Amino acid sequence: MHDFEMPGWATERVLARQGQALAHRDVAARTTALVVIDMQNHFLAPGAGGETPPARDIVPNINRVASALRDAGGLVVWIRTLFNDGALRTIPHFHHTLLTPERFAARSKSLVEDAPGSALWPKLDVRESDLVVGKTRYSAFIQGASDLDGILRARGITAVLIAGTMTNACCESSARDAMMLNYRTTMVHDACASLRDDEHAAALTSFYMFFGDVTDVAELETRYGARG
């Protein structure tokens, strides 16, 4: 798991802007969703094409946050990156320009709907009351990626907690877009993972300065009244 501490200068800047270190402590659990990004075999399994080894270490923390929020009346949503013909048609430059032909072939095969690589990591505590939503772009909230925004609004969700992998790609992209859609957005730093500590830290620091809160699992468990 990444060793992360928010830099003091970043906290000072946030305090000057909004007057408090965390702006979303007062949001009710019943209007909050934990959105867990891309915790799939393709990104967690040893040797998989998108393997992010630190993501395996955050599984217990994700399960802790999910349990605390569920018990307090909130919603848990598991996001799966999927490849389909629509994704290829609408963002071909990602698949054919930003990926080598070999990388594209392996990634697309691994992330089709029923492929083993697209399945959620088996150690995640997924419950029947949770939702599982597919996306076809880095951000789960951007137009054309998924139906997540409509699903959350229909359920009265006004705030989201972001967890999963990678911190500086799909997690950060989803978190930024959620804020710009007016969700009160928090990144859970010890429930997110990237390939390197510095990538993880840079994404969290940048998000905190401009887009929303960054906190940890222990603070959320206290917030939602979880009992260890």
Protein backbone atom coordinates (compact mmCIF):
# COMPACT_ATOMS: atom_id res chain seq x y z
CA MET A 1 0.00 0.00 0.00
CA HIS A 2 1.21 3.51 -0.75
CA ASP A 3 2.68 5.55 2.09
CA PHE A 4 0.93 8.90 1.65
CA GLU A 5 0.67 12.10 3.65
CA MET A 6 -0.83 15.27 2.22
CA PRO A 7 1.87 17.98 1.98
CA GLY A 8 1.46 20.80 4.45
CA TRP A 9 1.57 23.43 1.73
CA ALA A 10 -1.37 21.78 -0.03
CA THR A 11 -3.42 21.71 3.18
CA GLU A 12 -2.63 25.37 3.81
CA ARG A 13 -3.81 26.28 0.34
CA VAL A 14 -7.07 24.35 0.79
CA LEU A 15 -7.68 25.95 4.18
CA ALA A 16 -7.22 29.39 2.64
CA ARG A 17 -9.70 28.54 -0.11
CA GLN A 18 -12.49 26.81 1.79
CA GLY A 19 -11.78 27.39 5.48
CA GLN A 20 -11.72 23.72 6.48
CA ALA A 21 -9.59 20.70 5.69
CA LEU A 22 -12.54 18.49 4.72
CA ALA A 23 -15.64 20.04 3.19
CA HIS A 24 -17.84 16.95 2.95
CA ARG A 25 -17.94 15.55 6.48
CA ASP A 26 -21.57 16.65 6.86
CA VAL A 27 -22.98 14.69 3.90
CA ALA A 28 -25.45 12.02 4.97
CA ALA A 29 -24.49 8.41 4.27
CA ARG A 30 -27.85 7.76 2.62
CA THR A 31 -27.01 10.25 -0.13
CA THR A 32 -23.45 8.94 -0.59
CA ALA A 33 -22.10 6.29 -2.95
CA LEU A 34 -18.77 4.51 -2.77
CA VAL A 35 -17.65 4.19 -6.40
CA VAL A 36 -14.96 1.52 -6.70
CA ILE A 37 -13.04 1.78 -9.95
CA ASP A 38 -11.59 -1.10 -12.01
CA MET A 39 -10.79 -3.63 -9.29
CA GLN A 40 -10.80 -6.39 -11.90
CA ASN A 41 -8.61 -9.36 -12.66
CA HIS A 42 -7.03 -7.53 -15.61
CA PHE A 43 -5.61 -4.95 -13.19
CA LEU A 44 -4.98 -7.12 -10.10
CA ALA A 45 -4.00 -10.62 -11.19
CA PRO A 46 -0.24 -11.34 -11.19
CA GLY A 47 1.03 -11.19 -14.74
CA ALA A 48 -2.17 -9.66 -16.15
CA GLY A 49 -1.84 -7.05 -18.89
CA GLY A 50 -2.84 -4.14 -16.68
CA GLU A 51 -1.39 -5.46 -13.43
CA THR A 52 -1.06 -2.82 -10.71
CA PRO A 53 0.46 -4.76 -7.78
CA PRO A 54 -0.37 -2.18 -5.05
CA ALA A 55 -4.05 -2.55 -5.95
CA ARG A 56 -4.09 -6.00 -4.34
CA ASP A 57 -3.04 -4.43 -1.05
CA ILE A 58 -6.00 -2.03 -0.87
CA VAL A 59 -8.68 -4.73 -1.14
CA PRO A 60 -9.19 -5.00 2.66
CA ASN A 61 -9.52 -1.22 2.93
CA ILE A 62 -12.07 -1.07 0.13
CA ASN A 63 -14.07 -3.79 1.85
CA ARG A 64 -13.93 -1.83 5.13
CA VAL A 65 -15.26 1.37 3.55
CA ALA A 66 -17.95 -0.54 1.67
CA SER A 67 -19.11 -2.22 4.88
CA ALA A 68 -19.18 1.02 6.87
CA LEU A 69 -21.11 2.93 4.22
CA ARG A 70 -23.60 0.11 3.60
CA ASP A 71 -24.31 -0.24 7.30
CA ALA A 72 -24.95 3.51 7.49
CA GLY A 73 -27.44 3.41 4.61
CA GLY A 74 -25.22 4.36 1.67
CA LEU A 75 -24.72 2.76 -1.73
CA VAL A 76 -21.75 0.77 -3.06
CA VAL A 77 -21.07 0.70 -6.81
CA TRP A 78 -18.43 -1.49 -8.44
CA ILE A 79 -17.21 -0.13 -11.78
CA ARG A 80 -15.82 -2.46 -14.44
CA THR A 81 -13.85 -1.24 -17.46
CA LEU A 82 -15.17 -3.09 -20.51
CA PHE A 83 -14.18 -3.23 -24.15
CA ASN A 84 -16.82 -3.38 -26.88
CA ASP A 85 -17.36 -2.24 -30.45
CA GLY A 86 -18.93 1.01 -29.24
CA ALA A 87 -15.80 1.93 -27.34
CA LEU A 88 -13.65 1.22 -30.37
CA ARG A 89 -15.95 3.28 -32.59
CA THR A 90 -16.20 6.33 -30.34
CA ILE A 91 -12.60 6.64 -29.09
CA PRO A 92 -10.49 4.87 -31.73
CA HIS A 93 -7.43 7.07 -31.13
CA PHE A 94 -7.05 5.63 -27.61
CA HIS A 95 -7.13 2.07 -28.88
CA HIS A 96 -5.11 2.52 -32.06
CA THR A 97 -2.86 5.53 -31.40
CA LEU A 98 -2.13 5.39 -27.68
CA LEU A 99 -1.71 1.60 -27.62
CA THR A 100 0.61 -0.57 -29.64
CA PRO A 101 -1.20 -3.17 -31.79
CA GLU A 102 -0.04 -5.89 -29.43
CA ARG A 103 -1.24 -3.99 -26.34
CA PHE A 104 -4.58 -3.25 -27.98
CA ALA A 105 -5.15 -6.89 -28.91
CA ALA A 106 -4.34 -8.14 -25.41
CA ARG A 107 -6.33 -5.43 -23.61
CA SER A 108 -9.45 -5.71 -25.75
CA LYS A 109 -9.49 -9.51 -25.43
CA SER A 110 -9.08 -9.34 -21.66
CA LEU A 111 -11.80 -6.74 -21.05
CA VAL A 112 -14.75 -7.98 -23.09
CA GLU A 113 -17.87 -8.56 -20.98
CA ASP A 114 -17.45 -12.26 -20.24
CA ALA A 115 -13.67 -12.56 -20.25
CA PRO A 116 -11.98 -13.64 -17.00
CA GLY A 117 -9.92 -10.45 -17.02
CA SER A 118 -13.02 -8.25 -16.86
CA ALA A 119 -14.40 -9.96 -13.74
CA LEU A 120 -14.15 -8.30 -10.34
CA TRP A 121 -11.29 -9.49 -8.15
CA PRO A 122 -12.65 -12.40 -6.08
CA LYS A 123 -11.51 -11.05 -2.71
CA LEU A 124 -13.78 -8.01 -2.98
CA ASP A 125 -16.79 -8.13 -0.68
CA VAL A 126 -19.51 -7.58 -3.28
CA ARG A 127 -23.05 -7.83 -1.88
CA GLU A 128 -26.45 -8.31 -3.54
CA SER A 129 -27.47 -4.80 -2.52
CA ASP A 130 -24.54 -3.30 -4.42
CA LEU A 131 -24.55 -2.20 -8.06
CA VAL A 132 -22.12 -3.27 -10.76
CA VAL A 133 -21.75 -0.82 -13.67
CA GLY A 134 -19.61 -1.10 -16.80
CA LYS A 135 -17.68 1.79 -18.33
CA THR A 136 -15.78 2.18 -21.59
CA ARG A 137 -13.59 5.20 -20.82
CA TYR A 138 -11.21 6.22 -18.06
CA SER A 139 -13.86 8.31 -16.31
CA ALA A 140 -17.04 6.57 -15.20
CA PHE A 141 -18.86 9.92 -15.26
CA ILE A 142 -17.97 11.36 -18.64
CA GLN A 143 -20.65 11.34 -21.32
CA GLY A 144 -20.63 8.11 -23.30
CA ALA A 145 -18.71 6.08 -20.72
CA SER A 146 -21.55 4.62 -18.66
CA ASP A 147 -25.00 5.26 -17.17
CA LEU A 148 -23.53 5.96 -13.72
CA ASP A 149 -24.59 9.60 -13.43
CA GLY A 150 -28.22 8.83 -14.20
CA ILE A 151 -28.23 5.81 -11.89
CA LEU A 152 -26.89 7.82 -8.96
CA ARG A 153 -29.20 10.78 -9.49
CA ALA A 154 -32.23 8.47 -9.66
CA ARG A 155 -31.26 7.17 -6.22
CA GLY A 156 -30.80 10.62 -4.71
CA ILE A 157 -27.02 10.39 -4.47
CA THR A 158 -25.29 13.76 -4.06
CA ALA A 159 -21.83 12.69 -2.89
CA VAL A 160 -19.32 10.07 -4.00
CA LEU A 161 -16.30 8.41 -2.46
CA ILE A 162 -13.75 7.24 -5.03
CA ALA A 163 -11.64 4.11 -4.50
CA GLY A 164 -9.87 1.63 -6.75
CA THR A 165 -7.17 1.74 -9.40
CA MET A 166 -5.32 3.53 -10.87
CA THR A 167 -5.26 6.61 -8.66
CA ASN A 168 -3.83 8.85 -11.39
CA ALA A 169 -5.89 7.50 -14.29
CA CYS A 170 -9.42 6.14 -13.96
CA CYS A 171 -9.86 7.11 -10.29
CA GLU A 172 -8.72 10.69 -10.73
CA SER A 173 -10.59 11.09 -14.03
CA SER A 174 -13.81 9.83 -12.46
CA ALA A 175 -13.37 11.98 -9.36
CA ARG A 176 -12.74 15.19 -11.30
CA ASP A 177 -15.73 14.63 -13.57
CA ALA A 178 -17.95 13.78 -10.61
CA MET A 179 -17.09 17.11 -8.99
CA MET A 180 -17.79 18.98 -12.21
CA LEU A 181 -21.21 17.29 -12.30
CA ASN A 182 -21.83 18.75 -8.81
CA TYR A 183 -21.24 15.63 -6.72
CA ARG A 184 -19.45 16.31 -3.45
CA THR A 185 -16.44 14.15 -4.17
CA THR A 186 -13.84 12.52 -1.94
CA MET A 187 -10.86 10.37 -2.90
CA VAL A 188 -10.00 7.74 -0.28
CA HIS A 189 -6.21 7.70 -0.42
CA ASP A 190 -5.58 4.35 1.26
CA ALA A 191 -8.29 2.70 -0.83
CA CYS A 192 -6.71 3.84 -4.12
CA ALA A 193 -3.60 2.50 -5.81
CA SER A 194 -1.26 3.24 -8.68
CA LEU A 195 2.03 1.80 -9.92
CA ARG A 196 4.29 4.22 -8.01
CA ASP A 197 4.08 6.22 -4.80
CA ASP A 198 4.90 9.48 -6.57
CA GLU A 199 2.17 9.02 -9.18
CA HIS A 200 -0.35 8.25 -6.44
CA ALA A 201 0.68 11.26 -4.37
CA ALA A 202 0.68 13.71 -7.27
CA ALA A 203 -2.85 12.76 -8.30
CA LEU A 204 -4.24 13.05 -4.79
CA THR A 205 -2.53 16.37 -4.10
CA SER A 206 -3.74 17.94 -7.33
CA PHE A 207 -7.29 16.71 -6.75
CA TYR A 208 -7.34 18.05 -3.19
CA MET A 209 -6.21 21.52 -4.18
CA PHE A 210 -8.98 22.06 -6.73
CA PHE A 211 -11.70 19.42 -6.76
CA GLY A 212 -12.65 17.87 -3.42
CA ASP A 213 -11.64 16.08 -0.26
CA VAL A 214 -8.93 13.49 0.28
CA THR A 215 -9.27 11.33 3.38
CA ASP A 216 -8.58 7.83 4.66
CA VAL A 217 -10.52 4.71 5.62
CA ALA A 218 -10.26 5.26 9.36
CA GLU A 219 -11.81 8.74 9.13
CA LEU A 220 -14.70 7.38 7.07
CA GLU A 221 -15.34 4.53 9.49
CA THR A 222 -15.51 7.06 12.31
CA ARG A 223 -17.79 9.27 10.22
CA TYR A 224 -20.21 6.43 9.51
CA GLY A 225 -20.10 4.96 13.00
CA ALA A 226 -18.41 1.68 12.09
CA ARG A 227 -17.35 -0.55 14.94
CA GLY A 228 -14.13 -2.50 14.68
